[in-house]
Amino acid sequence: MATKNDDQKDDTMTTAEAGRKGGEKVRDERGPEFYSEIGQKQGKENNPGNFANRDKDEVRKVASEGGKNSHRGDSNTAKETQEDFDQAA
């Protein structure tokens, strides 16, 4: 079985190394402000169904109903659960 000598270069890259290099490239191309900008947009413009984009009282109501249903052993299907969620909106 062949073994790698210390002076042989390994051309493979770990996922962590690839992510770091990609992040550095984006930072160098777009600047650090880019990350702040996309962070503020996350979940607000792209996903109107996100709890973060809903009224706090509405979220409390939906969460309360979910908790009540889970504790009484209700066996709603995913479709029924989605319908309940949509009605609360």
Foldseek 3Di string as FASTA:
>chain_A
DDDDDPPDDDPDDDPVRVVVVVVVVCCVVPNPVVVVVVVVVPPAPPPCLDPVNDDPVLSVVLVVVVVVCVVVVNDDDPVVNVVVNVVSD
